[in-house]
């Protein structure tokens, strides 16, 4: 399994926890791979943009869940593309 596949799997596991109906705490998507992709402007690890990363702590749980849904869309849209931070 490639490093990219492992990152995606970790994010999918976190997303599944976030979407559990009884879950009141929304975990951060950060998986410790903090490198911005200059083409997409998303973090290579968590698929958030710099504003979402910087403001994560100030978002409500509902806003965080919406960002998680965007992350899922971004991962799916970016699947199979070569990631590049240059």
PDB file of N, CA and C in Angstrom:
ATOM      1  N   UNK A   1       0.847  -1.175   0.000  1.00  0.00           N
ATOM      2  CA  UNK A   1       0.000   0.000   0.000  1.00  0.00           C
ATOM      3  C   UNK A   1       0.892   1.238   0.000  1.00  0.00           C
ATOM      4  N   UNK A   2       0.591   2.188  -0.854  1.00  0.00           N
ATOM      5  CA  UNK A   2       1.406   3.388  -0.973  1.00  0.00           C
ATOM      6  C   UNK A   2       1.151   4.340   0.199  1.00  0.00           C
ATOM      7  N   UNK A   3       2.041   5.292   0.367  1.00  0.00           N
ATOM      8  CA  UNK A   3       1.892   6.288   1.433  1.00  0.00           C
ATOM      9  C   UNK A   3       0.609   7.090   1.237  1.00  0.00           C
ATOM     10  N   UNK A   4       0.279   7.415  -0.002  1.00  0.00           N
ATOM     11  CA  UNK A   4      -0.949   8.160  -0.281  1.00  0.00           C
ATOM     12  C   UNK A   4      -2.179   7.342   0.105  1.00  0.00           C
ATOM     13  N   UNK A   5      -2.165   6.059  -0.207  1.00  0.00           N
ATOM     14  CA  UNK A   5      -3.290   5.192   0.161  1.00  0.00           C
ATOM     15  C   UNK A   5      -3.435   5.095   1.678  1.00  0.00           C
ATOM     16  N   UNK A   6      -2.320   5.034   2.387  1.00  0.00           N
ATOM     17  CA  UNK A   6      -2.359   4.979   3.850  1.00  0.00           C
ATOM     18  C   UNK A   6      -2.939   6.265   4.425  1.00  0.00           C
ATOM     19  N   UNK A   7      -2.548   7.410   3.856  1.00  0.00           N
ATOM     20  CA  UNK A   7      -3.095   8.698   4.317  1.00  0.00           C
ATOM     21  C   UNK A   7      -4.599   8.737   4.113  1.00  0.00           C
ATOM     22  N   UNK A   8      -5.028   8.319   2.941  1.00  0.00           N
ATOM     23  CA  UNK A   8      -6.463   8.322   2.641  1.00  0.00           C
ATOM     24  C   UNK A   8      -7.229   7.382   3.571  1.00  0.00           C
ATOM     25  N   UNK A   9      -6.643   6.229   3.862  1.00  0.00           N
ATOM     26  CA  UNK A   9      -7.295   5.278   4.753  1.00  0.00           C
ATOM     27  C   UNK A   9      -7.444   5.872   6.159  1.00  0.00           C
ATOM     28  N   UNK A  10      -6.395   6.532   6.643  1.00  0.00           N
ATOM     29  CA  UNK A  10      -6.463   7.165   7.966  1.00  0.00           C
ATOM     30  C   UNK A  10      -7.546   8.234   8.001  1.00  0.00           C
ATOM     31  N   UNK A  11      -7.636   9.034   6.949  1.00  0.00           N
ATOM     32  CA  UNK A  11      -8.673  10.069   6.894  1.00  0.00           C
ATOM     33  C   UNK A  11     -10.067   9.452   6.832  1.00  0.00           C
ATOM     34  N   UNK A  12     -10.217   8.378   6.072  1.00  0.00           N
ATOM     35  CA  UNK A  12     -11.524   7.717   5.975  1.00  0.00           C
ATOM     36  C   UNK A  12     -11.946   7.160   7.329  1.00  0.00           C
ATOM     37  N   UNK A  13     -11.000   6.630   8.090  1.00  0.00           N
ATOM     38  CA  UNK A  13     -11.309   6.119   9.423  1.00  0.00           C
ATOM     39  C   UNK A  13     -11.779   7.247  10.341  1.00  0.00           C
ATOM     40  N   UNK A  14     -11.083   8.381  10.280  1.00  0.00           N
ATOM     41  CA  UNK A  14     -11.487   9.528  11.097  1.00  0.00           C
ATOM     42  C   UNK A  14     -12.853  10.049  10.661  1.00  0.00           C
ATOM     43  N   UNK A  15     -13.086  10.100   9.363  1.00  0.00           N
ATOM     44  CA  UNK A  15     -14.367  10.575   8.847  1.00  0.00           C
ATOM     45  C   UNK A  15     -15.506   9.692   9.343  1.00  0.00           C
ATOM     46  N   UNK A  16     -15.301   8.391   9.346  1.00  0.00           N
ATOM     47  CA  UNK A  16     -16.334   7.477   9.821  1.00  0.00           C
ATOM     48  C   UNK A  16     -16.685   7.770  11.278  1.00  0.00           C
ATOM     49  N   UNK A  17     -15.680   8.085  12.097  1.00  0.00           N
ATOM     50  CA  UNK A  17     -15.942   8.437  13.498  1.00  0.00           C
ATOM     51  C   UNK A  17     -16.741   9.737  13.599  1.00  0.00           C
ATOM     52  N   UNK A  18     -16.359  10.711  12.792  1.00  0.00           N
ATOM     53  CA  UNK A  18     -17.033  12.021  12.820  1.00  0.00           C
ATOM     54  C   UNK A  18     -18.495  11.884  12.448  1.00  0.00           C
ATOM     55  N   UNK A  19     -18.800  11.021  11.502  1.00  0.00           N
ATOM     56  CA  UNK A  19     -20.161  10.896  10.993  1.00  0.00           C
ATOM     57  C   UNK A  19     -21.056   9.994  11.841  1.00  0.00           C
ATOM     58  N   UNK A  20     -20.507   9.379  12.877  1.00  0.00           N
ATOM     59  CA  UNK A  20     -21.342   8.577  13.775  1.00  0.00           C
ATOM     60  C   UNK A  20     -22.374   9.484  14.428  1.00  0.00           C
ATOM     61  N   UNK A  21     -23.646   9.096  14.419  1.00  0.00           N
ATOM     62  CA  UNK A  21     -24.720   9.965  14.908  1.00  0.00           C
ATOM     63  C   UNK A  21     -24.572  10.418  16.359  1.00  0.00           C
ATOM     64  N   UNK A  22     -24.035   9.582  17.208  1.00  0.00           N
ATOM     65  CA  UNK A  22     -23.924   9.921  18.627  1.00  0.00           C
ATOM     66  C   UNK A  22     -22.627  10.647  18.978  1.00  0.00           C
ATOM     67  N   UNK A  23     -21.789  10.883  17.997  1.00  0.00           N
ATOM     68  CA  UNK A  23     -20.502  11.506  18.247  1.00  0.00           C
ATOM     69  C   UNK A  23     -20.662  13.018  18.387  1.00  0.00           C
ATOM     70  N   UNK A  24     -20.355  13.547  19.565  1.00  0.00           N
ATOM     71  CA  UNK A  24     -20.467  14.984  19.813  1.00  0.00           C
ATOM     72  C   UNK A  24     -19.153  15.712  19.598  1.00  0.00           C
ATOM     73  N   UNK A  25     -18.052  14.978  19.588  1.00  0.00           N
ATOM     74  CA  UNK A  25     -16.733  15.590  19.425  1.00  0.00           C
ATOM     75  C   UNK A  25     -16.250  15.370  17.999  1.00  0.00           C
ATOM     76  N   UNK A  26     -15.867  16.436  17.333  1.00  0.00           N
ATOM     77  CA  UNK A  26     -15.396  16.344  15.947  1.00  0.00           C
ATOM     78  C   UNK A  26     -13.874  16.442  15.952  1.00  0.00           C
ATOM     79  N   UNK A  27     -13.219  15.325  15.651  1.00  0.00           N
ATOM     80  CA  UNK A  27     -11.757  15.277  15.671  1.00  0.00           C
ATOM     81  C   UNK A  27     -11.170  16.065  14.506  1.00  0.00           C
ATOM     82  N   UNK A  28      -9.949  16.503  14.698  1.00  0.00           N
ATOM     83  CA  UNK A  28      -9.221  17.194  13.642  1.00  0.00           C
ATOM     84  C   UNK A  28      -8.837  16.201  12.551  1.00  0.00           C
ATOM     85  N   UNK A  29      -8.877  16.629  11.307  1.00  0.00           N
ATOM     86  CA  UNK A  29      -8.454  15.759  10.203  1.00  0.00           C
ATOM     87  C   UNK A  29      -6.933  15.590  10.109  1.00  0.00           C
ATOM     88  N   UNK A  30      -6.190  16.340  10.900  1.00  0.00           N
ATOM     89  CA  UNK A  30      -4.733  16.294  10.806  1.00  0.00           C
ATOM     90  C   UNK A  30      -4.223  14.883  11.055  1.00  0.00           C
ATOM     91  N   UNK A  31      -3.341  14.420  10.155  1.00  0.00           N
ATOM     92  CA  UNK A  31      -2.711  13.112  10.325  1.00  0.00           C
ATOM     93  C   UNK A  31      -1.190  13.250  10.396  1.00  0.00           C
ATOM     94  N   UNK A  32      -0.720  14.477  10.609  1.00  0.00           N
ATOM     95  CA  UNK A  32       0.705  14.711  10.792  1.00  0.00           C
ATOM     96  C   UNK A  32       1.522  14.784   9.517  1.00  0.00           C
ATOM     97  N   UNK A  33       0.867  14.897   8.395  1.00  0.00           N
ATOM     98  CA  UNK A  33       1.554  15.073   7.103  1.00  0.00           C
ATOM     99  C   UNK A  33       1.238  16.498   6.655  1.00  0.00           C
ATOM    100  N   UNK A  34       1.967  17.434   7.193  1.00  0.00           N
ATOM    101  CA  UNK A  34       1.629  18.850   7.032  1.00  0.00           C
ATOM    102  C   UNK A  34       2.477  19.484   5.937  1.00  0.00           C
ATOM    103  N   UNK A  35       1.982  19.391   4.715  1.00  0.00           N
ATOM    104  CA  UNK A  35       2.683  19.944   3.567  1.00  0.00           C
ATOM    105  C   UNK A  35       1.635  20.433   2.577  1.00  0.00           C
ATOM    106  N   UNK A  36       1.697  21.693   2.220  1.00  0.00           N
ATOM    107  CA  UNK A  36       0.704  22.276   1.326  1.00  0.00           C
ATOM    108  C   UNK A  36       1.038  21.957  -0.130  1.00  0.00           C
ATOM    109  N   UNK A  37       0.025  21.567  -0.867  1.00  0.00           N
ATOM    110  CA  UNK A  37       0.157  21.295  -2.296  1.00  0.00           C
ATOM    111  C   UNK A  37      -0.074  22.615  -3.027  1.00  0.00           C
ATOM    112  N   UNK A  38       0.886  23.048  -3.786  1.00  0.00           N
ATOM    113  CA  UNK A  38       0.781  24.347  -4.457  1.00  0.00           C
ATOM    114  C   UNK A  38      -0.234  24.350  -5.598  1.00  0.00           C
ATOM    115  N   UNK A  39      -0.568  23.192  -6.123  1.00  0.00           N
ATOM    116  CA  UNK A  39      -1.556  23.120  -7.208  1.00  0.00           C
ATOM    117  C   UNK A  39      -2.984  23.206  -6.682  1.00  0.00           C
ATOM    118  N   UNK A  40      -3.255  22.508  -5.576  1.00  0.00           N
ATOM    119  CA  UNK A  40      -4.615  22.477  -5.044  1.00  0.00           C
ATOM    120  C   UNK A  40      -4.825  23.455  -3.893  1.00  0.00           C
ATOM    121  N   UNK A  41      -3.742  23.892  -3.257  1.00  0.00           N
ATOM    122  CA  UNK A  41      -3.770  24.733  -2.049  1.00  0.00           C
ATOM    123  C   UNK A  41      -4.345  23.975  -0.854  1.00  0.00           C
ATOM    124  N   UNK A  42      -4.296  22.647  -0.899  1.00  0.00           N
ATOM    125  CA  UNK A  42      -4.743  21.804   0.205  1.00  0.00           C
ATOM    126  C   UNK A  42      -3.528  21.127   0.828  1.00  0.00           C
ATOM    127  N   UNK A  43      -3.662  20.820   2.109  1.00  0.00           N
ATOM    128  CA  UNK A  43      -2.635  20.047   2.785  1.00  0.00           C
ATOM    129  C   UNK A  43      -2.594  18.649   2.170  1.00  0.00           C
ATOM    130  N   UNK A  44      -1.391  18.133   1.965  1.00  0.00           N
ATOM    131  CA  UNK A  44      -1.227  16.785   1.404  1.00  0.00           C
ATOM    132  C   UNK A  44      -1.788  15.716   2.335  1.00  0.00           C
ATOM    133  N   UNK A  45      -1.800  15.990   3.634  1.00  0.00           N
ATOM    134  CA  UNK A  45      -2.256  14.993   4.589  1.00  0.00           C
ATOM    135  C   UNK A  45      -3.747  15.020   4.851  1.00  0.00           C
ATOM    136  N   UNK A  46      -4.301  16.225   5.055  1.00  0.00           N
ATOM    137  CA  UNK A  46      -5.696  16.305   5.509  1.00  0.00           C
ATOM    138  C   UNK A  46      -6.651  16.960   4.511  1.00  0.00           C
ATOM    139  N   UNK A  47      -6.145  17.428   3.400  1.00  0.00           N
ATOM    140  CA  UNK A  47      -6.973  18.023   2.334  1.00  0.00           C
ATOM    141  C   UNK A  47      -7.717  19.284   2.783  1.00  0.00           C
ATOM    142  N   UNK A  48      -7.206  19.972   3.809  1.00  0.00           N
ATOM    143  CA  UNK A  48      -7.786  21.264   4.189  1.00  0.00           C
ATOM    144  C   UNK A  48      -6.953  22.374   3.583  1.00  0.00           C
ATOM    145  N   UNK A  49      -7.593  23.539   3.381  1.00  0.00           N
ATOM    146  CA  UNK A  49      -6.824  24.697   2.946  1.00  0.00           C
ATOM    147  C   UNK A  49      -6.268  25.405   4.185  1.00  0.00           C
ATOM    148  N   UNK A  50      -5.431  26.375   3.972  1.00  0.00           N
ATOM    149  CA  UNK A  50      -4.721  27.012   5.082  1.00  0.00           C
ATOM    150  C   UNK A  50      -5.682  27.708   6.054  1.00  0.00           C
ATOM    151  N   UNK A  51      -6.772  28.287   5.544  1.00  0.00           N
ATOM    152  CA  UNK A  51      -7.742  28.946   6.419  1.00  0.00           C
ATOM    153  C   UNK A  51      -8.483  27.933   7.291  1.00  0.00           C
ATOM    154  N   UNK A  52      -8.823  26.801   6.723  1.00  0.00           N
ATOM    155  CA  UNK A  52      -9.503  25.755   7.492  1.00  0.00           C
ATOM    156  C   UNK A  52      -8.589  25.212   8.590  1.00  0.00           C
ATOM    157  N   UNK A  53      -7.306  25.097   8.279  1.00  0.00           N
ATOM    158  CA  UNK A  53      -6.341  24.627   9.271  1.00  0.00           C
ATOM    159  C   UNK A  53      -6.192  25.659  10.385  1.00  0.00           C
ATOM    160  N   UNK A  54      -5.994  26.906  10.000  1.00  0.00           N
ATOM    161  CA  UNK A  54      -5.749  27.966  10.977  1.00  0.00           C
ATOM    162  C   UNK A  54      -6.948  28.210  11.884  1.00  0.00           C
ATOM    163  N   UNK A  55      -8.151  28.073  11.359  1.00  0.00           N
ATOM    164  CA  UNK A  55      -9.356  28.406  12.117  1.00  0.00           C
ATOM    165  C   UNK A  55     -10.063  27.197  12.731  1.00  0.00           C
ATOM    166  N   UNK A  56      -9.496  26.006  12.583  1.00  0.00           N
ATOM    167  CA  UNK A  56     -10.165  24.782  13.025  1.00  0.00           C
ATOM    168  C   UNK A  56     -10.695  24.904  14.458  1.00  0.00           C
ATOM    169  N   UNK A  57      -9.890  25.385  15.368  1.00  0.00           N
ATOM    170  CA  UNK A  57     -10.276  25.474  16.771  1.00  0.00           C
ATOM    171  C   UNK A  57     -11.435  26.403  17.043  1.00  0.00           C
ATOM    172  N   UNK A  58     -11.697  27.335  16.142  1.00  0.00           N
ATOM    173  CA  UNK A  58     -12.779  28.303  16.363  1.00  0.00           C
ATOM    174  C   UNK A  58     -14.084  27.896  15.676  1.00  0.00           C
ATOM    175  N   UNK A  59     -14.058  26.844  14.864  1.00  0.00           N
ATOM    176  CA  UNK A  59     -15.268  26.397  14.177  1.00  0.00           C
ATOM    177  C   UNK A  59     -16.189  25.646  15.133  1.00  0.00           C
ATOM    178  N   UNK A  60     -17.488  25.761  14.892  1.00  0.00           N
ATOM    179  CA  UNK A  60     -18.460  24.960  15.639  1.00  0.00           C
ATOM    180  C   UNK A  60     -18.363  23.512  15.152  1.00  0.00           C
ATOM    181  N   UNK A  61     -18.945  22.589  15.906  1.00  0.00           N
ATOM    182  CA  UNK A  61     -18.941  21.187  15.477  1.00  0.00           C
ATOM    183  C   UNK A  61     -19.627  21.017  14.133  1.00  0.00           C
ATOM    184  N   UNK A  62     -20.698  21.753  13.906  1.00  0.00           N
ATOM    185  CA  UNK A  62     -21.400  21.659  12.615  1.00  0.00           C
ATOM    186  C   UNK A  62     -20.511  22.137  11.473  1.00  0.00           C
ATOM    187  N   UNK A  63     -19.787  23.229  11.689  1.00  0.00           N
ATOM    188  CA  UNK A  63     -18.860  23.728  10.658  1.00  0.00           C
ATOM    189  C   UNK A  63     -17.743  22.711  10.408  1.00  0.00           C
ATOM    190  N   UNK A  64     -17.257  22.106  11.480  1.00  0.00           N
ATOM    191  CA  UNK A  64     -16.206  21.090  11.334  1.00  0.00           C
ATOM    192  C   UNK A  64     -16.713  19.893  10.536  1.00  0.00           C
ATOM    193  N   UNK A  65     -17.950  19.480  10.784  1.00  0.00           N
ATOM    194  CA  UNK A  65     -18.520  18.369  10.021  1.00  0.00           C
ATOM    195  C   UNK A  65     -18.659  18.734   8.547  1.00  0.00           C
ATOM    196  N   UNK A  66     -19.025  19.975   8.271  1.00  0.00           N
ATOM    197  CA  UNK A  66     -19.119  20.417   6.875  1.00  0.00           C
ATOM    198  C   UNK A  66     -17.752  20.388   6.204  1.00  0.00           C
ATOM    199  N   UNK A  67     -16.722  20.789   6.920  1.00  0.00           N
ATOM    200  CA  UNK A  67     -15.362  20.724   6.368  1.00  0.00           C
ATOM    201  C   UNK A  67     -14.978  19.273   6.113  1.00  0.00           C
ATOM    202  N   UNK A  68     -15.338  18.375   7.032  1.00  0.00           N
ATOM    203  CA  UNK A  68     -15.065  16.954   6.818  1.00  0.00           C
ATOM    204  C   UNK A  68     -15.719  16.448   5.535  1.00  0.00           C
ATOM    205  N   UNK A  69     -16.945  16.889   5.280  1.00  0.00           N
ATOM    206  CA  UNK A  69     -17.626  16.469   4.046  1.00  0.00           C
ATOM    207  C   UNK A  69     -16.901  17.016   2.819  1.00  0.00           C
ATOM    208  N   UNK A  70     -16.378  18.237   2.922  1.00  0.00           N
ATOM    209  CA  UNK A  70     -15.594  18.803   1.818  1.00  0.00           C
ATOM    210  C   UNK A  70     -14.296  18.025   1.627  1.00  0.00           C
ATOM    211  N   UNK A  71     -13.683  17.628   2.731  1.00  0.00           N
ATOM    212  CA  UNK A  71     -12.456  16.823   2.656  1.00  0.00           C
ATOM    213  C   UNK A  71     -12.731  15.521   1.903  1.00  0.00           C
ATOM    214  N   UNK A  72     -13.840  14.884   2.227  1.00  0.00           N
ATOM    215  CA  UNK A  72     -14.210  13.646   1.546  1.00  0.00           C
ATOM    216  C   UNK A  72     -14.361  13.884   0.037  1.00  0.00           C
ATOM    217  N   UNK A  73     -15.006  14.972  -0.336  1.00  0.00           N
ATOM    218  CA  UNK A  73     -15.165  15.308  -1.760  1.00  0.00           C
ATOM    219  C   UNK A  73     -13.816  15.582  -2.411  1.00  0.00           C
ATOM    220  N   UNK A  74     -12.958  16.303  -1.712  1.00  0.00           N
ATOM    221  CA  UNK A  74     -11.636  16.624  -2.255  1.00  0.00           C
ATOM    222  C   UNK A  74     -10.803  15.361  -2.447  1.00  0.00           C
ATOM    223  N   UNK A  75     -10.858  14.459  -1.473  1.00  0.00           N
ATOM    224  CA  UNK A  75     -10.112  13.197  -1.610  1.00  0.00           C
ATOM    225  C   UNK A  75     -10.592  12.424  -2.822  1.00  0.00           C
ATOM    226  N   UNK A  76     -11.912  12.341  -2.981  1.00  0.00           N
ATOM    227  CA  UNK A  76     -12.472  11.597  -4.114  1.00  0.00           C
ATOM    228  C   UNK A  76     -12.132  12.261  -5.436  1.00  0.00           C
ATOM    229  N   UNK A  77     -12.168  13.579  -5.483  1.00  0.00           N
ATOM    230  CA  UNK A  77     -11.856  14.309  -6.717  1.00  0.00           C
ATOM    231  C   UNK A  77     -10.378  14.189  -7.065  1.00  0.00           C
ATOM    232  N   UNK A  78      -9.546  14.069  -6.055  1.00  0.00           N
ATOM    233  CA  UNK A  78      -8.096  14.048  -6.236  1.00  0.00           C
ATOM    234  C   UNK A  78      -7.539  12.635  -6.302  1.00  0.00           C
ATOM    235  N   UNK A  79      -8.404  11.622  -6.189  1.00  0.00           N
ATOM    236  CA  UNK A  79      -7.950  10.233  -6.158  1.00  0.00           C
ATOM    237  C   UNK A  79      -7.271   9.852  -7.461  1.00  0.00           C
ATOM    238  N   UNK A  80      -6.132   9.224  -7.303  1.00  0.00           N
ATOM    239  CA  UNK A  80      -5.394   8.767  -8.483  1.00  0.00           C
ATOM    240  C   UNK A  80      -4.486   9.815  -9.080  1.00  0.00           C
ATOM    241  N   UNK A  81      -4.625  11.063  -8.633  1.00  0.00           N
ATOM    242  CA  UNK A  81      -3.738  12.113  -9.122  1.00  0.00           C
ATOM    243  C   UNK A  81      -2.441  12.038  -8.362  1.00  0.00           C
ATOM    244  N   UNK A  82      -1.367  12.322  -9.027  1.00  0.00           N
ATOM    245  CA  UNK A  82      -0.090  12.363  -8.333  1.00  0.00           C
ATOM    246  C   UNK A  82      -0.058  13.591  -7.463  1.00  0.00           C
ATOM    247  N   UNK A  83       0.230  13.415  -6.180  1.00  0.00           N
ATOM    248  CA  UNK A  83       0.330  14.567  -5.295  1.00  0.00           C
ATOM    249  C   UNK A  83       1.683  15.226  -5.522  1.00  0.00           C
ATOM    250  N   UNK A  84       1.670  16.538  -5.437  1.00  0.00           N
ATOM    251  CA  UNK A  84       2.887  17.296  -5.652  1.00  0.00           C
ATOM    252  C   UNK A  84       2.842  18.564  -4.845  1.00  0.00           C
ATOM    253  N   UNK A  85       3.881  18.824  -4.105  1.00  0.00           N
ATOM    254  CA  UNK A  85       3.923  20.043  -3.307  1.00  0.00           C
ATOM    255  C   UNK A  85       4.739  21.117  -4.005  1.00  0.00           C
ATOM    256  N   UNK A  86       5.172  20.868  -5.211  1.00  0.00           N
ATOM    257  CA  UNK A  86       5.959  21.851  -5.956  1.00  0.00           C
ATOM    258  C   UNK A  86       5.122  22.573  -6.961  1.00  0.00           C
TER     259      UNK A  86
END
